[in-house]
């Protein structure tokens, strides 16, 4: 039985990914496990995050959520998508038309998952814990509301 993704959590993951890349230039998560109650994302970094950085990440993600940005989708050719985005995490059967999910002017990336219509639907983002091991920062997060 295939697991259904939570549109609120999945949209929050996109915002967290863009926030991490903007703050630490680490790219999107290298691994993610998205669940309704609690989710986690792993990022390649050469050091653990400070408490201040964790608070800043959480604050920035919540600012984007509160901005109530529209979440849109568009389709472009695989060739066009390959010039703009990393397609390595798309399944092999994604086809020649690639869905790009855009969150306001904050984030855009290829994605096959479900999303909210606007970030205001997500609720409050809370980082539950952060770990660091072997060059990987793991962020566990929850949504409230």
Foldseek 3Di string as FASTA:
>chain_A
DDDAADQLQVVLLQLLQLLCCVVPVFHGFPDKDGDQFKIKGKTQAPDFDDPVVLVVSQVSSQVLLVVFFFKDKDWDFPVVQVVPADCVPPDPPCDGIFIWIDGHPRGIHTDDHHHDRTSPVNARKDFPDWDDDDRMIMTMIGHDD
